[in-house]
Amino acid sequence: MTKNIIPAWGTRRLDAVHRSDVAALHSRIGAIAPVEANRTMELIRRLFAVALDWGILPSGFANPAKGLKKFPERPRERILSEDELRRLGAALAEEQDVYAKGAITISLLCGTRIGETLAAEWKEIDLAQRLWRIPAAHSKNKKAHTLPLSQAAVDGMTQSAREIPPYKPAKRLSHPNPYQTIAPHRSSIARRFREITRREISLTDSHIRLK
C-alpha cells in the first residue's frame, strides 16, 4: 500500500481510479517486479471489493482491477540434489535449537506446513499405525485429513520427543510452550530454516521453503 499505491494515487478518490490507472500501475511495477505487480493488483481488487460491500462506492461501480491479466509467475522452488539433501540433513543434525530442529525435520519428512507441525498434538499421532490425523482446526484449508507416516517420519518424531524437554502434561509435538500461540515460533523457525539453507546449500536465486 505505502510502497506502490499511495505514491501513485495519493489522496485521489476511489471513484476517480479507473481501469486504465490500475493497468498502468500494474505494468509499471511489472517491468521490474512482476510478482510484486500481481500482488499489488490483487490488493487493489480487494480494496475496491470491500468498498463496494461497505457501500462506500455506489452499487454497480465496476471494480477497476477485476479481470486484468496478471504477469506470469515462475515458481522459485526446486528439487534438492542428493548432495544438498545430505548437507541439509547434516546441518539439522548439528542444530542447537532443538525446537527448530524438531519442527523443521518433521515438516520436511512429512511434507506438512510448519504451522501444522507446530500446532500438532501427540493425541493426533498414532506411531504404531504410522498415521497423523490432522484436525480441521490445525489445517490451513480447514479440512481434516489423515497423513500416512513413513518410517523416517516416525523416527524423526521419536527423536524429537527425546530431545525436547517435555511440559507436564506433554501436549504439543514440537513447540516449546503448549499454551502459547504458534505465530512467533513459526516465524523464528522459518527464519532459521532460511539461514541454514543459505549457509549449507547457498540458495540465492532459488529457494525451498517451509509452507
N, C-alpha and C. Protein backbone atom coordinates (compact mmCIF):
# COMPACT_ATOMS: atom_id res chain seq x y z
N MET A 1 0.83 -1.20 0.00
CA MET A 1 0.00 0.00 0.00
C MET A 1 0.87 1.26 0.00
N THR A 2 1.74 1.39 1.02
CA THR A 2 2.56 2.60 1.13
C THR A 2 3.66 2.65 0.08
N LYS A 3 4.06 1.48 -0.43
CA LYS A 3 5.16 1.46 -1.39
C LYS A 3 4.72 1.82 -2.80
N ASN A 4 3.54 1.33 -3.21
CA ASN A 4 3.14 1.50 -4.61
C ASN A 4 1.85 2.29 -4.82
N ILE A 5 0.85 2.02 -4.01
CA ILE A 5 -0.47 2.59 -4.29
C ILE A 5 -0.57 4.05 -3.87
N ILE A 6 -0.19 4.36 -2.63
CA ILE A 6 -0.29 5.74 -2.16
C ILE A 6 0.61 6.69 -2.96
N PRO A 7 1.87 6.33 -3.24
CA PRO A 7 2.69 7.24 -4.06
C PRO A 7 2.11 7.48 -5.45
N ALA A 8 1.41 6.49 -6.00
CA ALA A 8 0.87 6.63 -7.35
C ALA A 8 -0.38 7.49 -7.39
N TRP A 9 -1.25 7.29 -6.39
CA TRP A 9 -2.56 7.94 -6.46
C TRP A 9 -2.84 8.93 -5.33
N GLY A 10 -1.98 8.94 -4.33
CA GLY A 10 -2.12 9.92 -3.27
C GLY A 10 -3.49 9.92 -2.63
N THR A 11 -4.13 11.09 -2.60
CA THR A 11 -5.44 11.24 -1.95
C THR A 11 -6.59 11.18 -2.96
N ARG A 12 -6.34 10.62 -4.11
CA ARG A 12 -7.39 10.53 -5.12
C ARG A 12 -8.59 9.73 -4.61
N ARG A 13 -9.78 10.17 -4.91
CA ARG A 13 -10.99 9.45 -4.51
C ARG A 13 -11.05 8.09 -5.20
N LEU A 14 -11.67 7.13 -4.51
CA LEU A 14 -11.78 5.80 -5.09
C LEU A 14 -12.51 5.80 -6.42
N ASP A 15 -13.58 6.58 -6.48
CA ASP A 15 -14.36 6.59 -7.71
C ASP A 15 -13.67 7.33 -8.85
N ALA A 16 -12.48 7.89 -8.55
CA ALA A 16 -11.71 8.56 -9.60
C ALA A 16 -10.58 7.67 -10.13
N VAL A 17 -10.49 6.44 -9.59
CA VAL A 17 -9.48 5.49 -10.06
C VAL A 17 -10.13 4.61 -11.12
N HIS A 18 -9.55 4.60 -12.30
CA HIS A 18 -10.13 3.88 -13.42
C HIS A 18 -9.30 2.64 -13.78
N ARG A 19 -9.89 1.81 -14.60
CA ARG A 19 -9.22 0.58 -15.02
C ARG A 19 -7.87 0.87 -15.68
N SER A 20 -7.82 1.93 -16.46
CA SER A 20 -6.57 2.30 -17.13
C SER A 20 -5.49 2.69 -16.12
N ASP A 21 -5.90 3.28 -14.99
CA ASP A 21 -4.94 3.65 -13.95
C ASP A 21 -4.33 2.39 -13.32
N VAL A 22 -5.17 1.41 -13.03
CA VAL A 22 -4.69 0.17 -12.42
C VAL A 22 -3.78 -0.56 -13.40
N ALA A 23 -4.19 -0.62 -14.66
CA ALA A 23 -3.40 -1.30 -15.67
C ALA A 23 -2.03 -0.65 -15.84
N ALA A 24 -2.00 0.68 -15.80
CA ALA A 24 -0.74 1.40 -15.96
C ALA A 24 0.19 1.15 -14.77
N LEU A 25 -0.38 1.16 -13.55
CA LEU A 25 0.42 0.90 -12.36
C LEU A 25 0.95 -0.53 -12.37
N HIS A 26 0.09 -1.46 -12.73
CA HIS A 26 0.48 -2.86 -12.81
C HIS A 26 1.62 -3.05 -13.82
N SER A 27 1.51 -2.41 -14.94
CA SER A 27 2.53 -2.52 -15.99
C SER A 27 3.85 -1.90 -15.54
N ARG A 28 3.77 -0.75 -14.87
CA ARG A 28 4.99 -0.05 -14.44
C ARG A 28 5.75 -0.87 -13.40
N ILE A 29 5.04 -1.42 -12.42
CA ILE A 29 5.69 -2.24 -11.40
C ILE A 29 6.20 -3.53 -12.02
N GLY A 30 5.42 -4.11 -12.93
CA GLY A 30 5.76 -5.39 -13.54
C GLY A 30 6.99 -5.36 -14.41
N ALA A 31 7.36 -4.20 -14.88
CA ALA A 31 8.57 -4.09 -15.70
C ALA A 31 9.81 -4.45 -14.89
N ILE A 32 9.70 -4.30 -13.56
CA ILE A 32 10.83 -4.60 -12.68
C ILE A 32 10.56 -5.81 -11.80
N ALA A 33 9.32 -5.87 -11.27
CA ALA A 33 8.97 -6.93 -10.31
C ALA A 33 7.58 -7.48 -10.62
N PRO A 34 7.50 -8.47 -11.51
CA PRO A 34 6.19 -9.00 -11.93
C PRO A 34 5.35 -9.56 -10.79
N VAL A 35 5.98 -10.28 -9.87
CA VAL A 35 5.22 -10.86 -8.76
C VAL A 35 4.65 -9.76 -7.87
N GLU A 36 5.47 -8.77 -7.58
CA GLU A 36 5.00 -7.64 -6.77
C GLU A 36 3.86 -6.91 -7.47
N ALA A 37 3.95 -6.78 -8.78
CA ALA A 37 2.88 -6.13 -9.55
C ALA A 37 1.57 -6.90 -9.41
N ASN A 38 1.64 -8.22 -9.49
CA ASN A 38 0.44 -9.05 -9.33
C ASN A 38 -0.15 -8.92 -7.94
N ARG A 39 0.71 -8.89 -6.91
CA ARG A 39 0.20 -8.77 -5.54
C ARG A 39 -0.43 -7.40 -5.32
N THR A 40 0.17 -6.38 -5.92
CA THR A 40 -0.39 -5.02 -5.79
C THR A 40 -1.76 -4.94 -6.45
N MET A 41 -1.89 -5.53 -7.63
CA MET A 41 -3.17 -5.52 -8.33
C MET A 41 -4.24 -6.27 -7.53
N GLU A 42 -3.84 -7.39 -6.92
CA GLU A 42 -4.79 -8.16 -6.12
C GLU A 42 -5.22 -7.37 -4.89
N LEU A 43 -4.31 -6.63 -4.29
CA LEU A 43 -4.66 -5.78 -3.15
C LEU A 43 -5.65 -4.70 -3.57
N ILE A 44 -5.41 -4.10 -4.72
CA ILE A 44 -6.34 -3.07 -5.23
C ILE A 44 -7.72 -3.67 -5.47
N ARG A 45 -7.75 -4.84 -6.06
CA ARG A 45 -9.03 -5.51 -6.32
C ARG A 45 -9.80 -5.74 -5.02
N ARG A 46 -9.09 -6.18 -3.99
CA ARG A 46 -9.74 -6.45 -2.71
C ARG A 46 -10.22 -5.17 -2.04
N LEU A 47 -9.42 -4.10 -2.15
CA LEU A 47 -9.82 -2.82 -1.58
C LEU A 47 -11.13 -2.32 -2.18
N PHE A 48 -11.23 -2.42 -3.50
CA PHE A 48 -12.46 -1.98 -4.15
C PHE A 48 -13.62 -2.91 -3.83
N ALA A 49 -13.36 -4.19 -3.69
CA ALA A 49 -14.42 -5.13 -3.33
C ALA A 49 -14.99 -4.81 -1.96
N VAL A 50 -14.11 -4.49 -1.01
CA VAL A 50 -14.56 -4.12 0.33
C VAL A 50 -15.34 -2.80 0.30
N ALA A 51 -14.84 -1.85 -0.47
CA ALA A 51 -15.53 -0.57 -0.58
C ALA A 51 -16.95 -0.74 -1.14
N LEU A 52 -17.11 -1.64 -2.09
CA LEU A 52 -18.43 -1.93 -2.63
C LEU A 52 -19.31 -2.62 -1.60
N ASP A 53 -18.75 -3.57 -0.85
CA ASP A 53 -19.51 -4.28 0.17
C ASP A 53 -19.98 -3.34 1.27
N TRP A 54 -19.16 -2.36 1.60
CA TRP A 54 -19.48 -1.45 2.69
C TRP A 54 -20.32 -0.25 2.23
N GLY A 55 -20.61 -0.18 0.96
CA GLY A 55 -21.42 0.92 0.46
C GLY A 55 -20.67 2.21 0.28
N ILE A 56 -19.33 2.16 0.34
CA ILE A 56 -18.54 3.38 0.12
C ILE A 56 -18.63 3.79 -1.34
N LEU A 57 -18.70 2.81 -2.22
CA LEU A 57 -18.88 3.06 -3.65
C LEU A 57 -20.30 2.69 -4.04
N PRO A 58 -20.87 3.35 -5.02
CA PRO A 58 -22.25 3.07 -5.41
C PRO A 58 -22.42 1.69 -6.01
N SER A 59 -23.57 1.12 -5.82
CA SER A 59 -23.86 -0.20 -6.38
C SER A 59 -23.72 -0.16 -7.90
N GLY A 60 -23.08 -1.16 -8.44
CA GLY A 60 -22.87 -1.19 -9.89
C GLY A 60 -21.55 -0.60 -10.33
N PHE A 61 -20.80 -0.01 -9.40
CA PHE A 61 -19.49 0.53 -9.75
C PHE A 61 -18.58 -0.62 -10.16
N ALA A 62 -17.91 -0.50 -11.27
CA ALA A 62 -17.05 -1.58 -11.77
C ALA A 62 -15.71 -1.56 -11.06
N ASN A 63 -15.35 -2.70 -10.49
CA ASN A 63 -14.05 -2.83 -9.83
C ASN A 63 -12.97 -2.69 -10.90
N PRO A 64 -12.14 -1.65 -10.83
CA PRO A 64 -11.18 -1.39 -11.91
C PRO A 64 -10.04 -2.41 -12.01
N ALA A 65 -9.87 -3.23 -10.97
CA ALA A 65 -8.79 -4.23 -11.01
C ALA A 65 -9.30 -5.61 -11.37
N LYS A 66 -10.59 -5.76 -11.50
CA LYS A 66 -11.15 -7.08 -11.77
C LYS A 66 -10.94 -7.48 -13.23
N GLY A 67 -10.39 -8.67 -13.42
CA GLY A 67 -10.25 -9.20 -14.77
C GLY A 67 -8.99 -8.80 -15.51
N LEU A 68 -8.15 -7.97 -14.90
CA LEU A 68 -6.90 -7.60 -15.56
C LEU A 68 -5.95 -8.80 -15.58
N LYS A 69 -5.25 -8.96 -16.64
CA LYS A 69 -4.37 -10.11 -16.81
C LYS A 69 -3.11 -9.96 -15.97
N LYS A 70 -2.76 -11.01 -15.25
CA LYS A 70 -1.57 -10.99 -14.41
C LYS A 70 -0.33 -11.34 -15.22
N PHE A 71 0.81 -10.94 -14.69
CA PHE A 71 2.08 -11.37 -15.27
C PHE A 71 2.31 -12.83 -14.92
N PRO A 72 2.91 -13.60 -15.81
CA PRO A 72 3.23 -15.00 -15.46
C PRO A 72 4.25 -15.02 -14.33
N GLU A 73 4.08 -15.98 -13.43
CA GLU A 73 4.99 -16.13 -12.30
C GLU A 73 5.71 -17.45 -12.40
N ARG A 74 7.01 -17.40 -12.34
CA ARG A 74 7.81 -18.62 -12.42
C ARG A 74 8.09 -19.12 -11.01
N PRO A 75 7.71 -20.35 -10.71
CA PRO A 75 7.98 -20.90 -9.37
C PRO A 75 9.46 -20.86 -9.05
N ARG A 76 9.77 -20.47 -7.81
CA ARG A 76 11.17 -20.36 -7.41
C ARG A 76 11.65 -21.62 -6.68
N GLU A 77 10.72 -22.50 -6.31
CA GLU A 77 11.14 -23.71 -5.61
C GLU A 77 11.81 -24.68 -6.58
N ARG A 78 12.68 -25.49 -6.06
CA ARG A 78 13.31 -26.52 -6.88
C ARG A 78 13.60 -27.74 -6.03
N ILE A 79 13.86 -28.85 -6.70
CA ILE A 79 14.16 -30.10 -6.00
C ILE A 79 15.64 -30.12 -5.65
N LEU A 80 15.95 -30.49 -4.42
CA LEU A 80 17.34 -30.54 -3.99
C LEU A 80 18.02 -31.81 -4.52
N SER A 81 19.29 -31.68 -4.78
CA SER A 81 20.08 -32.84 -5.20
C SER A 81 20.36 -33.72 -3.99
N GLU A 82 20.87 -34.93 -4.24
CA GLU A 82 21.21 -35.84 -3.14
C GLU A 82 22.29 -35.23 -2.24
N ASP A 83 23.26 -34.57 -2.85
CA ASP A 83 24.33 -33.95 -2.07
C ASP A 83 23.77 -32.82 -1.21
N GLU A 84 22.87 -32.01 -1.77
CA GLU A 84 22.27 -30.92 -0.99
C GLU A 84 21.44 -31.47 0.16
N LEU A 85 20.70 -32.55 -0.09
CA LEU A 85 19.91 -33.16 0.97
C LEU A 85 20.81 -33.68 2.09
N ARG A 86 21.95 -34.27 1.73
CA ARG A 86 22.89 -34.76 2.74
C ARG A 86 23.42 -33.61 3.59
N ARG A 87 23.77 -32.49 2.92
CA ARG A 87 24.29 -31.34 3.66
C ARG A 87 23.22 -30.73 4.56
N LEU A 88 22.01 -30.67 4.06
CA LEU A 88 20.92 -30.14 4.87
C LEU A 88 20.67 -31.04 6.08
N GLY A 89 20.67 -32.35 5.86
CA GLY A 89 20.47 -33.28 6.96
C GLY A 89 21.57 -33.17 8.01
N ALA A 90 22.81 -33.03 7.54
CA ALA A 90 23.93 -32.90 8.47
C ALA A 90 23.83 -31.62 9.28
N ALA A 91 23.39 -30.52 8.63
CA ALA A 91 23.23 -29.26 9.34
C ALA A 91 22.14 -29.34 10.39
N LEU A 92 21.03 -30.01 10.05
CA LEU A 92 19.95 -30.16 11.02
C LEU A 92 20.38 -31.04 12.19
N ALA A 93 21.19 -32.04 11.91
CA ALA A 93 21.67 -32.92 12.98
C ALA A 93 22.51 -32.16 13.99
N GLU A 94 23.21 -31.11 13.53
CA GLU A 94 24.06 -30.31 14.41
C GLU A 94 23.34 -29.09 14.97
N GLU A 95 22.10 -28.85 14.57
CA GLU A 95 21.36 -27.67 15.01
C GLU A 95 21.17 -27.68 16.54
N GLN A 96 21.52 -26.55 17.16
CA GLN A 96 21.46 -26.45 18.62
C GLN A 96 20.07 -26.13 19.15
N ASP A 97 19.26 -25.48 18.35
CA ASP A 97 17.89 -25.17 18.76
C ASP A 97 17.04 -26.42 18.54
N VAL A 98 16.75 -27.14 19.62
CA VAL A 98 16.06 -28.42 19.47
C VAL A 98 14.63 -28.24 18.97
N TYR A 99 14.02 -27.10 19.25
CA TYR A 99 12.65 -26.86 18.78
C TYR A 99 12.64 -26.64 17.27
N ALA A 100 13.57 -25.80 16.78
CA ALA A 100 13.68 -25.59 15.34
C ALA A 100 14.06 -26.88 14.64
N LYS A 101 15.03 -27.59 15.20
CA LYS A 101 15.48 -28.85 14.61
C LYS A 101 14.33 -29.84 14.48
N GLY A 102 13.56 -30.01 15.55
CA GLY A 102 12.44 -30.96 15.53
C GLY A 102 11.37 -30.57 14.54
N ALA A 103 10.96 -29.30 14.57
CA ALA A 103 9.87 -28.84 13.71
C ALA A 103 10.25 -28.90 12.23
N ILE A 104 11.47 -28.46 11.91
CA ILE A 104 11.92 -28.46 10.52
C ILE A 104 12.05 -29.89 10.00
N THR A 105 12.65 -30.76 10.81
CA THR A 105 12.84 -32.15 10.40
C THR A 105 11.51 -32.83 10.14
N ILE A 106 10.55 -32.65 11.05
CA ILE A 106 9.24 -33.29 10.90
C ILE A 106 8.50 -32.74 9.68
N SER A 107 8.57 -31.43 9.48
CA SER A 107 7.89 -30.83 8.33
C SER A 107 8.46 -31.34 7.01
N LEU A 108 9.79 -31.47 6.95
CA LEU A 108 10.42 -31.95 5.72
C LEU A 108 10.10 -33.42 5.47
N LEU A 109 10.09 -34.22 6.53
CA LEU A 109 9.83 -35.65 6.37
C LEU A 109 8.37 -35.94 6.05
N CYS A 110 7.47 -35.10 6.57
CA CYS A 110 6.03 -35.35 6.40
C CYS A 110 5.40 -34.52 5.29
N GLY A 111 6.11 -33.48 4.83
CA GLY A 111 5.53 -32.61 3.81
C GLY A 111 4.43 -31.73 4.35
N THR A 112 4.43 -31.47 5.66
CA THR A 112 3.40 -30.64 6.27
C THR A 112 3.83 -29.19 6.33
N ARG A 113 2.84 -28.32 6.48
CA ARG A 113 3.13 -26.91 6.69
C ARG A 113 3.70 -26.74 8.10
N ILE A 114 4.57 -25.75 8.25
CA ILE A 114 5.20 -25.55 9.55
C ILE A 114 4.16 -25.26 10.63
N GLY A 115 3.08 -24.56 10.26
CA GLY A 115 2.02 -24.27 11.22
C GLY A 115 1.33 -25.54 11.70
N GLU A 116 1.14 -26.49 10.78
CA GLU A 116 0.52 -27.77 11.14
C GLU A 116 1.43 -28.54 12.10
N THR A 117 2.73 -28.50 11.83
CA THR A 117 3.67 -29.21 12.69
C THR A 117 3.70 -28.61 14.09
N LEU A 118 3.75 -27.29 14.18
CA LEU A 118 3.83 -26.64 15.49
C LEU A 118 2.54 -26.80 16.29
N ALA A 119 1.41 -26.86 15.60
CA ALA A 119 0.14 -27.00 16.30
C ALA A 119 -0.17 -28.46 16.66
N ALA A 120 0.58 -29.40 16.09
CA ALA A 120 0.29 -30.82 16.28
C ALA A 120 0.35 -31.23 17.75
N GLU A 121 -0.59 -32.04 18.15
CA GLU A 121 -0.62 -32.58 19.50
C GLU A 121 -0.41 -34.09 19.42
N TRP A 122 0.20 -34.64 20.46
CA TRP A 122 0.52 -36.07 20.45
C TRP A 122 -0.72 -36.94 20.29
N LYS A 123 -1.87 -36.45 20.74
CA LYS A 123 -3.10 -37.25 20.61
C LYS A 123 -3.50 -37.44 19.15
N GLU A 124 -2.96 -36.61 18.24
CA GLU A 124 -3.26 -36.75 16.81
C GLU A 124 -2.40 -37.81 16.14
N ILE A 125 -1.30 -38.21 16.80
CA ILE A 125 -0.30 -39.09 16.21
C ILE A 125 -0.48 -40.52 16.69
N ASP A 126 -0.54 -41.45 15.75
CA ASP A 126 -0.56 -42.88 16.07
C ASP A 126 0.72 -43.48 15.49
N LEU A 127 1.76 -43.57 16.33
CA LEU A 127 3.04 -44.07 15.84
C LEU A 127 2.97 -45.54 15.46
N ALA A 128 2.15 -46.31 16.19
CA ALA A 128 2.04 -47.74 15.90
C ALA A 128 1.44 -47.98 14.52
N GLN A 129 0.38 -47.21 14.20
CA GLN A 129 -0.27 -47.33 12.88
C GLN A 129 0.38 -46.44 11.84
N ARG A 130 1.32 -45.61 12.28
CA ARG A 130 2.01 -44.66 11.40
C ARG A 130 1.02 -43.74 10.69
N LEU A 131 0.19 -43.08 11.50
CA LEU A 131 -0.82 -42.16 10.98
C LEU A 131 -0.81 -40.86 11.78
N TRP A 132 -1.04 -39.77 11.08
CA TRP A 132 -1.17 -38.45 11.71
C TRP A 132 -2.53 -37.89 11.28
N ARG A 133 -3.44 -37.80 12.22
CA ARG A 133 -4.78 -37.29 11.94
C ARG A 133 -4.79 -35.79 12.24
N ILE A 134 -4.70 -35.00 11.19
CA ILE A 134 -4.63 -33.54 11.33
C ILE A 134 -6.05 -32.98 11.36
N PRO A 135 -6.47 -32.37 12.47
CA PRO A 135 -7.84 -31.84 12.56
C PRO A 135 -8.02 -30.58 11.73
N ALA A 136 -9.25 -30.25 11.43
CA ALA A 136 -9.56 -29.07 10.62
C ALA A 136 -8.99 -27.80 11.26
N ALA A 137 -9.00 -27.74 12.59
CA ALA A 137 -8.54 -26.54 13.29
C ALA A 137 -7.05 -26.29 13.08
N HIS A 138 -6.29 -27.31 12.74
CA HIS A 138 -4.85 -27.17 12.55
C HIS A 138 -4.45 -27.16 11.07
N SER A 139 -5.41 -27.25 10.17
CA SER A 139 -5.13 -27.31 8.75
C SER A 139 -5.39 -25.95 8.10
N LYS A 140 -4.54 -25.55 7.17
CA LYS A 140 -4.70 -24.25 6.54
C LYS A 140 -5.99 -24.15 5.75
N ASN A 141 -6.38 -25.25 5.08
CA ASN A 141 -7.62 -25.23 4.30
C ASN A 141 -8.84 -25.59 5.13
N LYS A 142 -8.65 -25.74 6.46
CA LYS A 142 -9.74 -26.00 7.40
C LYS A 142 -10.46 -27.32 7.09
N LYS A 143 -9.73 -28.28 6.56
CA LYS A 143 -10.28 -29.60 6.31
C LYS A 143 -9.43 -30.65 7.01
N ALA A 144 -10.09 -31.52 7.78
CA ALA A 144 -9.38 -32.58 8.47
C ALA A 144 -8.87 -33.60 7.45
N HIS A 145 -7.69 -34.14 7.69
CA HIS A 145 -7.18 -35.19 6.81
C HIS A 145 -6.20 -36.08 7.58
N THR A 146 -6.04 -37.29 7.09
CA THR A 146 -5.13 -38.25 7.72
C THR A 146 -3.91 -38.44 6.85
N LEU A 147 -2.75 -38.31 7.47
CA LEU A 147 -1.49 -38.36 6.74
C LEU A 147 -0.73 -39.63 7.11
N PRO A 148 -0.46 -40.52 6.15
CA PRO A 148 0.35 -41.71 6.45
C PRO A 148 1.80 -41.28 6.71
N LEU A 149 2.44 -41.90 7.68
CA LEU A 149 3.80 -41.53 8.05
C LEU A 149 4.80 -42.58 7.58
N SER A 150 5.90 -42.12 7.02
CA SER A 150 6.99 -43.02 6.66
C SER A 150 7.73 -43.43 7.94
N GLN A 151 8.55 -44.46 7.83
CA GLN A 151 9.33 -44.87 9.00
C GLN A 151 10.29 -43.77 9.40
N ALA A 152 10.81 -43.03 8.40
CA ALA A 152 11.71 -41.93 8.71
C ALA A 152 11.00 -40.84 9.51
N ALA A 153 9.72 -40.57 9.16
CA ALA A 153 8.94 -39.58 9.89
C ALA A 153 8.69 -40.02 11.33
N VAL A 154 8.35 -41.31 11.50
CA VAL A 154 8.13 -41.85 12.84
C VAL A 154 9.41 -41.73 13.66
N ASP A 155 10.54 -42.09 13.05
CA ASP A 155 11.82 -41.99 13.74
C ASP A 155 12.13 -40.54 14.11
N GLY A 156 11.81 -39.61 13.19
CA GLY A 156 12.06 -38.20 13.46
C GLY A 156 11.22 -37.68 14.61
N MET A 157 9.96 -38.10 14.68
CA MET A 157 9.09 -37.69 15.78
C MET A 157 9.57 -38.27 17.10
N THR A 158 10.00 -39.51 17.07
CA THR A 158 10.51 -40.17 18.28
C THR A 158 11.76 -39.47 18.78
N GLN A 159 12.65 -39.13 17.85
CA GLN A 159 13.88 -38.43 18.21
C GLN A 159 13.56 -37.06 18.77
N SER A 160 12.62 -36.36 18.16
CA SER A 160 12.23 -35.04 18.64
C SER A 160 11.68 -35.11 20.05
N ALA A 161 10.88 -36.14 20.32
CA ALA A 161 10.30 -36.31 21.65
C ALA A 161 11.38 -36.53 22.70
N ARG A 162 12.48 -37.19 22.32
CA ARG A 162 13.57 -37.45 23.27
C ARG A 162 14.39 -36.18 23.54
N GLU A 163 14.51 -35.31 22.52
CA GLU A 163 15.39 -34.15 22.65
C GLU A 163 14.70 -32.94 23.25
N ILE A 164 13.38 -32.77 23.02
CA ILE A 164 12.69 -31.59 23.51
C ILE A 164 12.26 -31.80 24.95
N PRO A 165 12.63 -30.90 25.85
CA PRO A 165 12.21 -31.03 27.25
C PRO A 165 10.69 -31.00 27.34
N PRO A 166 10.07 -32.05 27.85
CA PRO A 166 8.60 -32.10 27.85
C PRO A 166 7.98 -31.22 28.92
N TYR A 167 6.82 -30.66 28.59
CA TYR A 167 5.99 -29.97 29.56
C TYR A 167 5.09 -31.01 30.21
N LYS A 168 4.57 -30.68 31.37
CA LYS A 168 3.66 -31.59 32.06
C LYS A 168 2.26 -30.98 32.07
N PRO A 169 1.28 -31.57 31.36
CA PRO A 169 1.46 -32.75 30.53
C PRO A 169 2.06 -32.39 29.17
N ALA A 170 2.82 -33.29 28.58
CA ALA A 170 3.36 -33.07 27.24
C ALA A 170 2.19 -33.01 26.27
N LYS A 171 2.05 -31.91 25.57
CA LYS A 171 0.87 -31.71 24.72
C LYS A 171 1.23 -31.63 23.25
N ARG A 172 2.07 -30.66 22.91
CA ARG A 172 2.40 -30.45 21.51
C ARG A 172 3.66 -31.19 21.10
N LEU A 173 3.72 -31.45 19.81
CA LEU A 173 4.78 -32.28 19.26
C LEU A 173 6.13 -31.59 19.26
N SER A 174 6.18 -30.33 18.83
CA SER A 174 7.48 -29.68 18.64
C SER A 174 7.41 -28.19 18.94
N HIS A 175 6.67 -27.81 19.96
CA HIS A 175 6.53 -26.40 20.33
C HIS A 175 7.06 -26.22 21.74
N PRO A 176 7.83 -25.17 22.02
CA PRO A 176 8.43 -25.01 23.34
C PRO A 176 7.43 -24.74 24.45
N ASN A 177 6.26 -24.22 24.11
CA ASN A 177 5.27 -23.93 25.14
C ASN A 177 3.89 -24.33 24.63
N PRO A 178 3.27 -25.36 25.21
CA PRO A 178 1.98 -25.85 24.69
C PRO A 178 0.83 -24.89 24.91
N TYR A 179 1.05 -23.83 25.66
CA TYR A 179 -0.03 -22.89 25.96
C TYR A 179 0.16 -21.53 25.28
N GLN A 180 1.14 -21.45 24.40
CA GLN A 180 1.48 -20.20 23.72
C GLN A 180 1.06 -20.26 22.26
N THR A 181 0.68 -19.12 21.69
CA THR A 181 0.35 -19.06 20.27
C THR A 181 1.56 -19.48 19.44
N ILE A 182 1.29 -20.11 18.29
CA ILE A 182 2.40 -20.64 17.48
C ILE A 182 3.00 -19.60 16.55
N ALA A 183 2.32 -18.46 16.35
CA ALA A 183 2.76 -17.50 15.33
C ALA A 183 4.20 -17.02 15.51
N PRO A 184 4.62 -16.53 16.70
CA PRO A 184 6.01 -16.05 16.83
C PRO A 184 7.02 -17.19 16.61
N HIS A 185 6.71 -18.37 17.11
CA HIS A 185 7.61 -19.50 16.97
C HIS A 185 7.72 -19.93 15.50
N ARG A 186 6.60 -19.88 14.78
CA ARG A 186 6.62 -20.23 13.36
C ARG A 186 7.54 -19.29 12.59
N SER A 187 7.46 -18.00 12.88
CA SER A 187 8.30 -17.03 12.18
C SER A 187 9.78 -17.26 12.46
N SER A 188 10.11 -17.54 13.73
CA SER A 188 11.52 -17.74 14.08
C SER A 188 12.07 -19.02 13.45
N ILE A 189 11.25 -20.06 13.36
CA ILE A 189 11.70 -21.31 12.75
C ILE A 189 11.88 -21.15 11.25
N ALA A 190 10.95 -20.46 10.60
CA ALA A 190 11.08 -20.21 9.16
C ALA A 190 12.35 -19.40 8.88
N ARG A 191 12.63 -18.43 9.73
CA ARG A 191 13.85 -17.62 9.57
C ARG A 191 15.10 -18.48 9.75
N ARG A 192 15.07 -19.36 10.76
CA ARG A 192 16.21 -20.24 11.00
C ARG A 192 16.42 -21.20 9.83
N PHE A 193 15.34 -21.68 9.25
CA PHE A 193 15.42 -22.58 8.11
C PHE A 193 16.08 -21.89 6.92
N ARG A 194 15.70 -20.63 6.68
CA ARG A 194 16.32 -19.87 5.59
C ARG A 194 17.81 -19.70 5.83
N GLU A 195 18.19 -19.44 7.08
CA GLU A 195 19.61 -19.26 7.40
C GLU A 195 20.40 -20.54 7.11
N ILE A 196 19.83 -21.68 7.49
CA ILE A 196 20.51 -22.97 7.28
C ILE A 196 20.67 -23.26 5.80
N THR A 197 19.60 -23.07 5.02
CA THR A 197 19.67 -23.40 3.60
C THR A 197 20.61 -22.47 2.85
N ARG A 198 20.64 -21.21 3.24
CA ARG A 198 21.56 -20.29 2.57
C ARG A 198 23.00 -20.60 2.90
N ARG A 199 23.24 -21.02 4.13
CA ARG A 199 24.61 -21.32 4.55
C ARG A 199 25.10 -22.65 3.98
N GLU A 200 24.26 -23.66 4.03
CA GLU A 200 24.70 -25.01 3.65
C GLU A 200 24.53 -25.31 2.17
N ILE A 201 23.52 -24.70 1.54
CA ILE A 201 23.21 -25.04 0.15
C ILE A 201 23.44 -23.86 -0.77
N SER A 202 23.70 -22.68 -0.20
CA SER A 202 23.95 -21.46 -0.98
C SER A 202 22.79 -21.15 -1.91
N LEU A 203 21.57 -21.24 -1.38
CA LEU A 203 20.41 -20.92 -2.20
C LEU A 203 20.25 -19.41 -2.26
N THR A 204 20.25 -18.86 -3.47
CA THR A 204 20.12 -17.42 -3.65
C THR A 204 18.97 -17.10 -4.59
N ASP A 205 19.12 -17.44 -5.87
CA ASP A 205 18.08 -17.13 -6.84
C ASP A 205 16.90 -18.07 -6.70
N SER A 206 17.13 -19.26 -6.15
CA SER A 206 16.04 -20.20 -5.91
C SER A 206 15.98 -20.46 -4.41
N HIS A 207 14.89 -21.02 -3.97
CA HIS A 207 14.81 -21.33 -2.55
C HIS A 207 13.81 -22.43 -2.33
N ILE A 208 13.99 -23.13 -1.22
CA ILE A 208 12.98 -24.03 -0.73
C ILE A 208 12.40 -23.39 0.51
N ARG A 209 11.21 -23.75 0.86
CA ARG A 209 10.59 -23.08 2.00
C ARG A 209 9.72 -24.04 2.78
N LEU A 210 9.49 -23.68 4.03
CA LEU A 210 8.53 -24.39 4.84
C LEU A 210 7.18 -23.76 4.56
N LYS A 211 6.23 -24.50 4.06
CA LYS A 211 4.97 -23.95 3.57
C LYS A 211 4.18 -23.27 4.68
